[in-house]
Amino acid sequence: MMTTLAVWKFASCDGCQLSLLDCEDELLAVAGRVEIAHFLEATRAVEPGPYDVSLVEGSITTPEDAERIRHVREMSRVLVTLGACATAGGVQALRNFADIDEFRSVVYARPDYVSTLATSTPIAAHVDVDYELHGCPIDRRQLLDLITSLLLGRRPDLPGHSVCFECKRRGSVCVVVAHGTPCLGPVTRAGCGAICPAYQRGCFGCFGPAETPNAAAQAGLLRATGMAEDDVVRAYRTYNAADPTFIELSRVMAGPAPGAGPGGTGQEET
C-alpha cells in the first residue's frame, strides 16, 4: 500500500521544500512506496486527505495560519516540521522582541489591510508534532533518513549533540581556539556537517540549540572573543529567534520580550 505524503508551507522562504526537491535521484529509491498527494511547490495536482505523513515548513504568523495548521494536524497521521521557521519561529520571530504595529506601519503603505499576529511561533506551539528537522535550511540527508525510517517503521536517528562533534569528525581545527573567531558551535545542534567552521568561519546557529547546551557559558566564550554585549544577544536572535533556549539567554541579558507569557518566551498559542 502506498504511503501518502503531503507538504505544506506557512511563513517561510521555501528553502526547506527546495531541499526536498534537491534530493532528485535519491527520491527515486522511495518513489515506488510514496504517493505525493499534496505538494504545491512541485505540482498543482492535489489529492484529498487524510495523509500518512505531512511535512510542514514555516512558522505561524497570521490568525488564518493558526487555524490552518490545526486542520493539517487533523488530516495527518504523522506530522514533521521542517527547518528553523517551523521548529523555532524563524528569522521572522524577531518581531517577538518589537512592536508589531510599528513594523507594520514602516513596511506597508496601507498597514490597515495587513492581518498578522504580534508573534511568529513554531508549529509545536499550536499542535502536536511527531518529529522535527532543524536547520536553515534542513539537511537533505536527514530528510531522506526520516522518510526512509517512516517507510520502514523505525524511529529516525536525529542528532541532539553539538556541532563541535562534527568538527572533530571532520578533523577541523577549532576556530575559537586557533583564531579567536566567535562561534555558536558548542551550543548548536549538529546536522549541517560543520560546514562553516570547515571554512574557518564561526557557526551561526542555523540548526538551533543542542539538547543540553550551556548557553550562559557560551555567552562568556563569545565575550572572550571580543563580542560586545549587544552582539552576543543578537547572535542568539537570528535563525532560531523564538527557540526557548536561545530566547532565555536574550531575556536574561536584554529583558523580557514584549508580550511574553508566564514562561517568558512570547510563544502564546493563538
Protein backbone atom coordinates (compact mmCIF):
# COMPACT_ATOMS: atom_id res chain seq x y z
CA MET A 1 0.00 0.00 0.00
CA MET A 2 1.32 3.46 -0.94
CA THR A 3 2.25 5.96 1.77
CA THR A 4 0.61 9.32 1.09
CA LEU A 5 2.85 12.34 1.60
CA ALA A 6 1.74 15.98 1.90
CA VAL A 7 3.99 19.04 2.05
CA TRP A 8 2.69 22.31 3.48
CA LYS A 9 4.01 25.88 3.50
CA PHE A 10 3.43 28.56 6.13
CA ALA A 11 5.53 31.72 6.73
CA SER A 12 8.91 30.82 5.21
CA CYS A 13 11.24 31.27 2.25
CA ASP A 14 10.59 27.81 0.65
CA GLY A 15 14.20 26.75 1.21
CA CYS A 16 13.31 23.58 3.11
CA GLN A 17 10.84 22.49 0.43
CA LEU A 18 13.56 23.05 -2.14
CA SER A 19 15.82 20.77 -0.08
CA LEU A 20 13.28 18.02 -0.69
CA LEU A 21 13.22 18.73 -4.42
CA ASP A 22 17.02 18.80 -4.47
CA CYS A 23 17.07 15.15 -3.37
CA GLU A 24 16.18 14.25 -7.02
CA ASP A 25 17.83 10.88 -7.72
CA GLU A 26 17.74 9.81 -4.09
CA LEU A 27 13.97 10.16 -4.06
CA LEU A 28 13.67 7.64 -6.89
CA ALA A 29 14.63 4.90 -4.44
CA VAL A 30 11.49 5.56 -2.41
CA ALA A 31 9.22 6.76 -5.21
CA GLY A 32 7.60 3.34 -5.53
CA ARG A 33 6.46 3.49 -1.91
CA VAL A 34 5.35 7.13 -1.68
CA GLU A 35 2.47 8.96 -3.31
CA ILE A 36 2.94 12.74 -3.22
CA ALA A 37 -0.65 13.75 -2.61
CA HIS A 38 -0.17 17.46 -1.81
CA PHE A 39 2.93 19.48 -2.68
CA LEU A 40 2.13 22.81 -4.34
CA GLU A 41 5.82 23.69 -4.73
CA ALA A 42 6.14 20.74 -7.12
CA THR A 43 2.72 20.11 -8.67
CA ARG A 44 -0.79 21.54 -8.90
CA ALA A 45 -2.30 18.07 -8.61
CA VAL A 46 -3.80 17.66 -5.15
CA GLU A 47 -5.34 14.57 -3.60
CA PRO A 48 -7.70 14.92 -0.64
CA GLY A 49 -6.61 13.76 2.82
CA PRO A 50 -6.14 12.18 5.21
CA TYR A 51 -2.38 11.78 4.72
CA ASP A 52 0.07 9.31 6.24
CA VAL A 53 2.87 11.88 6.55
CA SER A 54 2.77 15.68 6.44
CA LEU A 55 5.94 17.75 6.13
CA VAL A 56 5.38 21.32 7.32
CA GLU A 57 7.62 24.30 6.51
CA GLY A 58 7.18 27.75 8.03
CA SER A 59 6.00 29.48 11.19
CA ILE A 60 2.58 30.68 12.30
CA THR A 61 2.23 34.44 11.78
CA THR A 62 -1.46 35.02 10.92
CA PRO A 63 -4.79 34.03 12.50
CA GLU A 64 -5.66 32.12 9.33
CA ASP A 65 -2.49 30.03 9.53
CA ALA A 66 -3.15 29.27 13.20
CA GLU A 67 -6.44 27.72 12.12
CA ARG A 68 -4.99 26.02 9.03
CA ILE A 69 -2.27 24.17 10.95
CA ARG A 70 -4.92 22.61 13.18
CA HIS A 71 -6.67 21.35 10.06
CA VAL A 72 -3.38 19.93 8.74
CA ARG A 73 -2.80 18.14 12.05
CA GLU A 74 -6.26 16.57 11.94
CA MET A 75 -5.59 15.21 8.44
CA SER A 76 -2.11 13.82 9.20
CA ARG A 77 -1.14 10.56 10.87
CA VAL A 78 2.46 11.77 11.29
CA LEU A 79 3.41 15.46 11.27
CA VAL A 80 7.03 16.54 10.74
CA THR A 81 8.24 20.14 10.96
CA LEU A 82 10.98 21.26 8.58
CA GLY A 83 13.54 23.92 9.39
CA ALA A 84 14.10 26.84 11.75
CA CYS A 85 10.84 28.61 10.86
CA ALA A 86 8.66 25.59 11.67
CA THR A 87 10.66 24.46 14.71
CA ALA A 88 11.57 27.84 16.27
CA GLY A 89 9.68 30.69 14.59
CA GLY A 90 12.46 31.57 12.15
CA VAL A 91 14.07 34.93 11.46
CA GLN A 92 10.59 36.45 11.35
CA ALA A 93 10.31 35.78 15.10
CA LEU A 94 12.45 38.89 15.62
CA ARG A 95 9.06 40.61 15.66
CA ASN A 96 8.54 38.98 19.07
CA PHE A 97 11.00 41.46 20.56
CA ALA A 98 9.50 44.55 18.97
CA ASP A 99 6.27 46.47 18.41
CA ILE A 100 4.49 44.74 15.52
CA ASP A 101 2.32 47.80 14.81
CA GLU A 102 5.44 49.93 14.35
CA PHE A 103 6.94 47.34 12.00
CA ARG A 104 3.73 47.17 10.00
CA SER A 105 3.48 50.95 9.64
CA VAL A 106 7.05 51.20 8.35
CA VAL A 107 6.90 48.30 5.88
CA TYR A 108 3.41 48.65 4.36
CA ALA A 109 1.80 51.65 2.69
CA ARG A 110 -1.62 50.53 3.97
CA PRO A 111 -0.95 48.62 7.20
CA ASP A 112 -4.67 48.52 7.98
CA TYR A 113 -5.01 45.93 5.20
CA VAL A 114 -2.50 43.56 6.82
CA SER A 115 -3.81 40.86 9.16
CA THR A 116 -1.00 39.44 11.27
CA LEU A 117 -0.20 38.15 14.73
CA ALA A 118 2.09 40.01 17.11
CA THR A 119 4.41 37.00 17.25
CA SER A 120 5.87 34.37 14.94
CA THR A 121 5.63 30.98 16.63
CA PRO A 122 6.74 27.42 15.79
CA ILE A 123 4.25 24.77 14.73
CA ALA A 124 4.64 22.96 18.06
CA ALA A 125 3.17 26.00 19.86
CA HIS A 126 -0.16 25.21 18.20
CA VAL A 127 -0.39 21.45 17.55
CA ASP A 128 1.37 18.22 18.49
CA VAL A 129 4.44 17.48 16.36
CA ASP A 130 5.84 13.97 15.89
CA TYR A 131 9.33 14.80 14.58
CA GLU A 132 11.39 17.95 14.00
CA LEU A 133 14.09 18.53 11.39
CA HIS A 134 16.18 21.55 12.31
CA GLY A 135 18.27 23.87 10.16
CA CYS A 136 18.06 26.84 7.83
CA PRO A 137 17.62 25.06 5.54
CA ILE A 138 17.33 21.44 6.65
CA ASP A 139 19.95 18.87 5.71
CA ARG A 140 18.62 16.66 2.90
CA ARG A 141 20.43 13.61 4.28
CA GLN A 142 18.42 13.91 7.47
CA LEU A 143 15.24 14.34 5.44
CA LEU A 144 15.92 11.21 3.39
CA ASP A 145 16.74 9.24 6.53
CA LEU A 146 13.49 10.38 8.12
CA ILE A 147 11.35 9.45 5.11
CA THR A 148 13.09 6.07 4.82
CA SER A 149 12.67 5.43 8.55
CA LEU A 150 8.95 6.15 8.40
CA LEU A 151 8.57 3.78 5.43
CA LEU A 152 10.43 1.03 7.30
CA GLY A 153 8.60 1.60 10.56
CA ARG A 154 11.69 2.54 12.59
CA ARG A 155 12.42 5.68 14.59
CA PRO A 156 14.55 8.24 12.73
CA ASP A 157 18.06 8.88 14.06
CA LEU A 158 18.09 12.65 14.65
CA PRO A 159 21.17 14.06 16.41
CA GLY A 160 20.92 16.18 19.54
CA HIS A 161 24.64 16.73 20.16
CA SER A 162 26.56 19.87 19.23
CA VAL A 163 28.34 20.99 16.07
CA CYS A 164 31.67 20.56 17.91
CA PHE A 165 31.29 16.78 17.48
CA GLU A 166 31.03 17.23 13.72
CA CYS A 167 34.10 19.48 13.65
CA LYS A 168 36.14 16.77 15.35
CA ARG A 169 34.86 14.10 12.96
CA ARG A 170 35.95 16.24 10.02
CA GLY A 171 39.32 16.93 11.62
CA SER A 172 38.65 20.67 11.54
CA VAL A 173 40.70 22.96 13.76
CA CYS A 174 38.59 24.82 16.33
CA VAL A 175 38.14 28.36 15.00
CA VAL A 176 37.69 29.74 18.54
CA VAL A 177 40.91 28.24 19.89
CA ALA A 178 43.02 28.78 16.76
CA HIS A 179 41.77 32.16 15.58
CA GLY A 180 39.58 33.65 18.32
CA THR A 181 36.61 33.58 15.96
CA PRO A 182 33.15 33.86 17.57
CA CYS A 183 31.32 30.54 17.10
CA LEU A 184 27.99 29.12 18.31
CA GLY A 185 29.11 25.54 17.62
CA PRO A 186 29.30 24.43 21.28
CA VAL A 187 25.58 25.14 21.83
CA THR A 188 24.21 24.45 18.32
CA ARG A 189 22.61 21.18 17.23
CA ALA A 190 24.59 19.03 14.80
CA GLY A 191 23.25 18.20 11.35
CA CYS A 192 24.94 20.56 8.90
CA GLY A 193 28.27 18.72 8.83
CA ALA A 194 30.02 21.71 10.45
CA ILE A 195 30.23 23.49 7.11
CA CYS A 196 31.09 26.99 8.36
CA PRO A 197 33.95 26.00 10.73
CA ALA A 198 35.39 23.83 7.95
CA TYR A 199 35.92 27.07 6.02
CA GLN A 200 37.34 28.96 9.03
CA ARG A 201 34.05 30.69 9.83
CA GLY A 202 32.23 30.51 13.14
CA CYS A 203 28.95 28.62 13.43
CA PHE A 204 25.91 30.91 13.12
CA GLY A 205 23.50 28.61 14.99
CA CYS A 206 21.35 27.68 11.97
CA PHE A 207 20.28 24.34 13.48
CA GLY A 208 19.15 25.78 16.81
CA PRO A 209 20.29 24.71 20.27
CA ALA A 210 21.68 21.26 21.03
CA GLU A 211 19.77 19.14 23.53
CA THR A 212 21.86 20.14 26.57
CA PRO A 213 23.50 23.49 25.78
CA ASN A 214 25.27 25.66 28.34
CA ALA A 215 24.10 28.95 26.88
CA ALA A 216 25.44 31.09 29.74
CA ALA A 217 28.96 29.64 29.39
CA GLN A 218 28.73 30.17 25.64
CA ALA A 219 27.92 33.84 26.21
CA GLY A 220 31.14 34.14 28.20
CA LEU A 221 33.08 32.47 25.40
CA LEU A 222 31.64 34.92 22.87
CA ARG A 223 32.60 37.86 25.06
CA ALA A 224 36.13 36.44 25.31
CA THR A 225 36.43 36.65 21.51
CA GLY A 226 35.74 40.39 21.72
CA MET A 227 31.99 40.48 21.07
CA ALA A 228 30.08 43.33 22.70
CA GLU A 229 27.06 42.62 24.90
CA ASP A 230 24.54 43.66 22.23
CA ASP A 231 26.31 41.48 19.66
CA VAL A 232 26.08 38.45 21.96
CA VAL A 233 22.33 38.97 22.28
CA ARG A 234 21.97 39.35 18.50
CA ALA A 235 23.93 36.14 17.97
CA TYR A 236 21.08 34.24 19.62
CA ARG A 237 18.34 36.21 17.85
CA THR A 238 18.78 35.06 14.29
CA TYR A 239 17.52 31.91 12.56
CA ASN A 240 16.01 30.46 15.75
CA ALA A 241 14.95 33.68 17.43
CA ALA A 242 11.93 32.17 19.23
CA ASP A 243 13.59 28.99 20.46
CA PRO A 244 13.04 28.82 24.25
CA THR A 245 16.70 28.01 24.99
CA PHE A 246 18.11 30.92 22.97
CA ILE A 247 15.35 33.30 23.99
CA GLU A 248 16.01 32.64 27.67
CA LEU A 249 19.54 33.98 27.33
CA SER A 250 18.20 37.03 25.49
CA ARG A 251 15.59 37.54 28.21
CA VAL A 252 18.20 37.45 30.97
CA MET A 253 20.60 39.75 29.16
CA ALA A 254 18.20 42.18 27.48
CA GLY A 255 14.94 41.93 29.44
CA PRO A 256 11.72 40.04 28.53
CA ALA A 257 10.27 40.09 25.05
CA PRO A 258 7.16 42.26 24.64
CA GLY A 259 4.01 40.19 25.02
CA ALA A 260 5.84 37.31 26.68
CA GLY A 261 3.62 34.89 28.55
CA PRO A 262 4.17 33.43 32.03
CA GLY A 263 7.11 31.37 30.75
CA GLY A 264 8.78 34.48 29.35
CA THR A 265 9.12 33.12 25.81
CA GLY A 266 6.48 35.11 23.98
CA GLN A 267 5.17 31.86 22.47
CA GLU A 268 1.48 32.10 23.22
CA GLU A 269 -0.93 29.88 21.37
CA THR A 270 -3.48 31.68 19.26
